[in-house]
Amino acid sequence: MSTDDKIQNTADKAKGKAKETVGKAVGNERLEAEGKGDQVKGDLKQAGEHVKDAFKR
């Protein structure tokens, strides 16, 4: 996994956490759900990168 990919995946997760927190704070369920989705997207991308790395070895 390249450093750029790690940074991007971590940024997706952080962005998602921020959206989720703001959504909870203001009572916006849609924003909260988007935040959770962004976090899942970051996790899935990171898992895919780990699989690619495993096959490179």
PDB file of N, CA and C in Angstrom:
ATOM      1  N   MET A   1       0.850  -1.157   0.000  1.00  0.00           N
ATOM      2  CA  MET A   1       0.000   0.000   0.000  1.00  0.00           C
ATOM      3  C   MET A   1       0.900   1.225   0.000  1.00  0.00           C
ATOM      4  N   SER A   2       0.654   2.099  -0.931  1.00  0.00           N
ATOM      5  CA  SER A   2       1.479   3.292  -1.004  1.00  0.00           C
ATOM      6  C   SER A   2       1.081   4.277   0.085  1.00  0.00           C
ATOM      7  N   THR A   3       1.980   5.151   0.392  1.00  0.00           N
ATOM      8  CA  THR A   3       1.734   6.158   1.414  1.00  0.00           C
ATOM      9  C   THR A   3       0.572   7.067   1.008  1.00  0.00           C
ATOM     10  N   ASP A   4       0.497   7.406  -0.270  1.00  0.00           N
ATOM     11  CA  ASP A   4      -0.598   8.249  -0.753  1.00  0.00           C
ATOM     12  C   ASP A   4      -1.951   7.585  -0.526  1.00  0.00           C
ATOM     13  N   ASP A   5      -2.022   6.284  -0.780  1.00  0.00           N
ATOM     14  CA  ASP A   5      -3.270   5.554  -0.567  1.00  0.00           C
ATOM     15  C   ASP A   5      -3.653   5.544   0.909  1.00  0.00           C
ATOM     16  N   LYS A   6      -2.670   5.325   1.772  1.00  0.00           N
ATOM     17  CA  LYS A   6      -2.930   5.330   3.207  1.00  0.00           C
ATOM     18  C   LYS A   6      -3.466   6.682   3.655  1.00  0.00           C
ATOM     19  N   ILE A   7      -2.850   7.737   3.157  1.00  0.00           N
ATOM     20  CA  ILE A   7      -3.281   9.087   3.524  1.00  0.00           C
ATOM     21  C   ILE A   7      -4.701   9.341   3.040  1.00  0.00           C
ATOM     22  N   GLN A   8      -5.002   8.963   1.820  1.00  0.00           N
ATOM     23  CA  GLN A   8      -6.339   9.174   1.258  1.00  0.00           C
ATOM     24  C   GLN A   8      -7.386   8.380   2.023  1.00  0.00           C
ATOM     25  N   ASN A   9      -7.086   7.127   2.349  1.00  0.00           N
ATOM     26  CA  ASN A   9      -8.032   6.301   3.077  1.00  0.00           C
ATOM     27  C   ASN A   9      -8.285   6.854   4.477  1.00  0.00           C
ATOM     28  N   THR A  10      -7.228   7.307   5.123  1.00  0.00           N
ATOM     29  CA  THR A  10      -7.363   7.902   6.448  1.00  0.00           C
ATOM     30  C   THR A  10      -8.151   9.202   6.372  1.00  0.00           C
ATOM     31  N   ALA A  11      -7.936   9.968   5.320  1.00  0.00           N
ATOM     32  CA  ALA A  11      -8.685  11.219   5.136  1.00  0.00           C
ATOM     33  C   ALA A  11     -10.167  10.932   4.930  1.00  0.00           C
ATOM     34  N   ASP A  12     -10.497   9.891   4.160  1.00  0.00           N
ATOM     35  CA  ASP A  12     -11.895   9.515   3.960  1.00  0.00           C
ATOM     36  C   ASP A  12     -12.553   9.151   5.291  1.00  0.00           C
ATOM     37  N   LYS A  13     -11.825   8.386   6.105  1.00  0.00           N
ATOM     38  CA  LYS A  13     -12.370   7.989   7.391  1.00  0.00           C
ATOM     39  C   LYS A  13     -12.549   9.194   8.310  1.00  0.00           C
ATOM     40  N   ALA A  14     -11.583  10.099   8.325  1.00  0.00           N
ATOM     41  CA  ALA A  14     -11.669  11.294   9.176  1.00  0.00           C
ATOM     42  C   ALA A  14     -12.800  12.207   8.720  1.00  0.00           C
ATOM     43  N   LYS A  15     -12.931  12.374   7.408  1.00  0.00           N
ATOM     44  CA  LYS A  15     -14.011  13.195   6.858  1.00  0.00           C
ATOM     45  C   LYS A  15     -15.359  12.594   7.249  1.00  0.00           C
ATOM     46  N   GLY A  16     -15.455  11.295   7.164  1.00  0.00           N
ATOM     47  CA  GLY A  16     -16.693  10.614   7.529  1.00  0.00           C
ATOM     48  C   GLY A  16     -17.026  10.776   8.998  1.00  0.00           C
ATOM     49  N   LYS A  17     -16.015  10.670   9.843  1.00  0.00           N
ATOM     50  CA  LYS A  17     -16.234  10.826  11.282  1.00  0.00           C
ATOM     51  C   LYS A  17     -16.703  12.243  11.592  1.00  0.00           C
ATOM     52  N   ALA A  18     -16.109  13.233  10.919  1.00  0.00           N
ATOM     53  CA  ALA A  18     -16.512  14.620  11.134  1.00  0.00           C
ATOM     54  C   ALA A  18     -17.958  14.836  10.700  1.00  0.00           C
ATOM     55  N   LYS A  19     -18.321  14.303   9.537  1.00  0.00           N
ATOM     56  CA  LYS A  19     -19.699  14.433   9.050  1.00  0.00           C
ATOM     57  C   LYS A  19     -20.676  13.771  10.019  1.00  0.00           C
ATOM     58  N   GLU A  20     -20.310  12.597  10.487  1.00  0.00           N
ATOM     59  CA  GLU A  20     -21.183  11.877  11.409  1.00  0.00           C
ATOM     60  C   GLU A  20     -21.390  12.683  12.694  1.00  0.00           C
ATOM     61  N   THR A  21     -20.311  13.234  13.225  1.00  0.00           N
ATOM     62  CA  THR A  21     -20.380  14.013  14.459  1.00  0.00           C
ATOM     63  C   THR A  21     -21.240  15.263  14.282  1.00  0.00           C
ATOM     64  N   VAL A  22     -21.025  15.973  13.181  1.00  0.00           N
ATOM     65  CA  VAL A  22     -21.817  17.173  12.909  1.00  0.00           C
ATOM     66  C   VAL A  22     -23.286  16.800  12.707  1.00  0.00           C
ATOM     67  N   GLY A  23     -23.530  15.720  11.995  1.00  0.00           N
ATOM     68  CA  GLY A  23     -24.898  15.261  11.772  1.00  0.00           C
ATOM     69  C   GLY A  23     -25.613  14.956  13.072  1.00  0.00           C
ATOM     70  N   LYS A  24     -24.915  14.296  13.996  1.00  0.00           N
ATOM     71  CA  LYS A  24     -25.502  14.005  15.304  1.00  0.00           C
ATOM     72  C   LYS A  24     -25.767  15.293  16.072  1.00  0.00           C
ATOM     73  N   ALA A  25     -24.817  16.219  16.012  1.00  0.00           N
ATOM     74  CA  ALA A  25     -24.921  17.461  16.783  1.00  0.00           C
ATOM     75  C   ALA A  25     -26.107  18.314  16.340  1.00  0.00           C
ATOM     76  N   VAL A  26     -26.356  18.351  15.049  1.00  0.00           N
ATOM     77  CA  VAL A  26     -27.441  19.205  14.540  1.00  0.00           C
ATOM     78  C   VAL A  26     -28.724  18.420  14.269  1.00  0.00           C
ATOM     79  N   GLY A  27     -28.696  17.126  14.494  1.00  0.00           N
ATOM     80  CA  GLY A  27     -29.884  16.311  14.288  1.00  0.00           C
ATOM     81  C   GLY A  27     -30.192  16.020  12.832  1.00  0.00           C
ATOM     82  N   ASN A  28     -29.161  16.030  11.984  1.00  0.00           N
ATOM     83  CA  ASN A  28     -29.332  15.769  10.559  1.00  0.00           C
ATOM     84  C   ASN A  28     -28.974  14.307  10.282  1.00  0.00           C
ATOM     85  N   GLU A  29     -29.993  13.474  10.163  1.00  0.00           N
ATOM     86  CA  GLU A  29     -29.759  12.040   9.971  1.00  0.00           C
ATOM     87  C   GLU A  29     -29.080  11.731   8.641  1.00  0.00           C
ATOM     88  N   ARG A  30     -29.388  12.507   7.606  1.00  0.00           N
ATOM     89  CA  ARG A  30     -28.775  12.272   6.298  1.00  0.00           C
ATOM     90  C   ARG A  30     -27.271  12.514   6.355  1.00  0.00           C
ATOM     91  N   LEU A  31     -26.862  13.595   6.987  1.00  0.00           N
ATOM     92  CA  LEU A  31     -25.439  13.909   7.112  1.00  0.00           C
ATOM     93  C   LEU A  31     -24.729  12.857   7.964  1.00  0.00           C
ATOM     94  N   GLU A  32     -25.396  12.419   9.012  1.00  0.00           N
ATOM     95  CA  GLU A  32     -24.836  11.376   9.868  1.00  0.00           C
ATOM     96  C   GLU A  32     -24.631  10.084   9.067  1.00  0.00           C
ATOM     97  N   ALA A  33     -25.609   9.729   8.252  1.00  0.00           N
ATOM     98  CA  ALA A  33     -25.507   8.523   7.430  1.00  0.00           C
ATOM     99  C   ALA A  33     -24.411   8.653   6.381  1.00  0.00           C
ATOM    100  N   GLU A  34     -24.285   9.835   5.776  1.00  0.00           N
ATOM    101  CA  GLU A  34     -23.206  10.070   4.802  1.00  0.00           C
ATOM    102  C   GLU A  34     -21.846   9.877   5.473  1.00  0.00           C
ATOM    103  N   GLY A  35     -21.718  10.372   6.689  1.00  0.00           N
ATOM    104  CA  GLY A  35     -20.465  10.229   7.428  1.00  0.00           C
ATOM    105  C   GLY A  35     -20.118   8.776   7.674  1.00  0.00           C
ATOM    106  N   LYS A  36     -21.103   8.011   8.072  1.00  0.00           N
ATOM    107  CA  LYS A  36     -20.872   6.580   8.294  1.00  0.00           C
ATOM    108  C   LYS A  36     -20.474   5.901   6.985  1.00  0.00           C
ATOM    109  N   GLY A  37     -21.116   6.308   5.897  1.00  0.00           N
ATOM    110  CA  GLY A  37     -20.788   5.747   4.582  1.00  0.00           C
ATOM    111  C   GLY A  37     -19.369   6.076   4.159  1.00  0.00           C
ATOM    112  N   ASP A  38     -18.935   7.300   4.421  1.00  0.00           N
ATOM    113  CA  ASP A  38     -17.559   7.689   4.090  1.00  0.00           C
ATOM    114  C   ASP A  38     -16.548   6.875   4.891  1.00  0.00           C
ATOM    115  N   GLN A  39     -16.877   6.601   6.145  1.00  0.00           N
ATOM    116  CA  GLN A  39     -15.979   5.794   6.968  1.00  0.00           C
ATOM    117  C   GLN A  39     -15.868   4.373   6.431  1.00  0.00           C
ATOM    118  N   VAL A  40     -16.993   3.816   6.040  1.00  0.00           N
ATOM    119  CA  VAL A  40     -17.003   2.455   5.481  1.00  0.00           C
ATOM    120  C   VAL A  40     -16.213   2.430   4.176  1.00  0.00           C
ATOM    121  N   LYS A  41     -16.391   3.465   3.357  1.00  0.00           N
ATOM    122  CA  LYS A  41     -15.660   3.542   2.086  1.00  0.00           C
ATOM    123  C   LYS A  41     -14.149   3.536   2.341  1.00  0.00           C
ATOM    124  N   GLY A  42     -13.707   4.309   3.317  1.00  0.00           N
ATOM    125  CA  GLY A  42     -12.287   4.338   3.648  1.00  0.00           C
ATOM    126  C   GLY A  42     -11.793   2.989   4.131  1.00  0.00           C
ATOM    127  N   ASP A  43     -12.592   2.323   4.954  1.00  0.00           N
ATOM    128  CA  ASP A  43     -12.218   0.993   5.455  1.00  0.00           C
ATOM    129  C   ASP A  43     -12.124  -0.026   4.320  1.00  0.00           C
ATOM    130  N   LEU A  44     -13.085   0.017   3.399  1.00  0.00           N
ATOM    131  CA  LEU A  44     -13.078  -0.935   2.285  1.00  0.00           C
ATOM    132  C   LEU A  44     -11.887  -0.705   1.356  1.00  0.00           C
ATOM    133  N   LYS A  45     -11.588   0.558   1.091  1.00  0.00           N
ATOM    134  CA  LYS A  45     -10.442   0.857   0.229  1.00  0.00           C
ATOM    135  C   LYS A  45      -9.152   0.379   0.883  1.00  0.00           C
ATOM    136  N   GLN A  46      -9.062   0.574   2.183  1.00  0.00           N
ATOM    137  CA  GLN A  46      -7.865   0.144   2.896  1.00  0.00           C
ATOM    138  C   GLN A  46      -7.750  -1.386   2.880  1.00  0.00           C
ATOM    139  N   ALA A  47      -8.866  -2.078   3.046  1.00  0.00           N
ATOM    140  CA  ALA A  47      -8.854  -3.539   3.005  1.00  0.00           C
ATOM    141  C   ALA A  47      -8.437  -4.028   1.620  1.00  0.00           C
ATOM    142  N   GLY A  48      -8.919  -3.362   0.580  1.00  0.00           N
ATOM    143  CA  GLY A  48      -8.523  -3.727  -0.781  1.00  0.00           C
ATOM    144  C   GLY A  48      -7.038  -3.553  -1.007  1.00  0.00           C
ATOM    145  N   GLU A  49      -6.479  -2.501  -0.449  1.00  0.00           N
ATOM    146  CA  GLU A  49      -5.043  -2.274  -0.579  1.00  0.00           C
ATOM    147  C   GLU A  49      -4.251  -3.362   0.147  1.00  0.00           C
ATOM    148  N   HIS A  50      -4.759  -3.811   1.287  1.00  0.00           N
ATOM    149  CA  HIS A  50      -4.081  -4.887   2.023  1.00  0.00           C
ATOM    150  C   HIS A  50      -4.095  -6.181   1.218  1.00  0.00           C
ATOM    151  N   VAL A  51      -5.192  -6.449   0.533  1.00  0.00           N
ATOM    152  CA  VAL A  51      -5.280  -7.657  -0.302  1.00  0.00           C
ATOM    153  C   VAL A  51      -4.267  -7.559  -1.434  1.00  0.00           C
ATOM    154  N   LYS A  52      -4.190  -6.400  -2.074  1.00  0.00           N
ATOM    155  CA  LYS A  52      -3.212  -6.217  -3.162  1.00  0.00           C
ATOM    156  C   LYS A  52      -1.798  -6.444  -2.651  1.00  0.00           C
ATOM    157  N   ASP A  53      -1.502  -5.904  -1.468  1.00  0.00           N
ATOM    158  CA  ASP A  53      -0.178  -6.072  -0.894  1.00  0.00           C
ATOM    159  C   ASP A  53       0.130  -7.533  -0.610  1.00  0.00           C
ATOM    160  N   ALA A  54      -0.863  -8.283  -0.161  1.00  0.00           N
ATOM    161  CA  ALA A  54      -0.666  -9.692   0.153  1.00  0.00           C
ATOM    162  C   ALA A  54      -0.295 -10.486  -1.096  1.00  0.00           C
ATOM    163  N   PHE A  55      -0.878 -10.141  -2.240  1.00  0.00           N
ATOM    164  CA  PHE A  55      -0.588 -10.855  -3.479  1.00  0.00           C
ATOM    165  C   PHE A  55       0.748 -10.442  -4.089  1.00  0.00           C
ATOM    166  N   LYS A  56       1.255  -9.290  -3.721  1.00  0.00           N
ATOM    167  CA  LYS A  56       2.545  -8.844  -4.230  1.00  0.00           C
ATOM    168  C   LYS A  56       3.702  -9.606  -3.602  1.00  0.00           C
ATOM    169  N   ARG A  57       3.459 -10.198  -2.451  1.00  0.00           N
ATOM    170  CA  ARG A  57       4.533 -10.892  -1.719  1.00  0.00           C
ATOM    171  C   ARG A  57       4.728 -12.268  -2.191  1.00  0.00           C
TER     172      ARG A  57
END
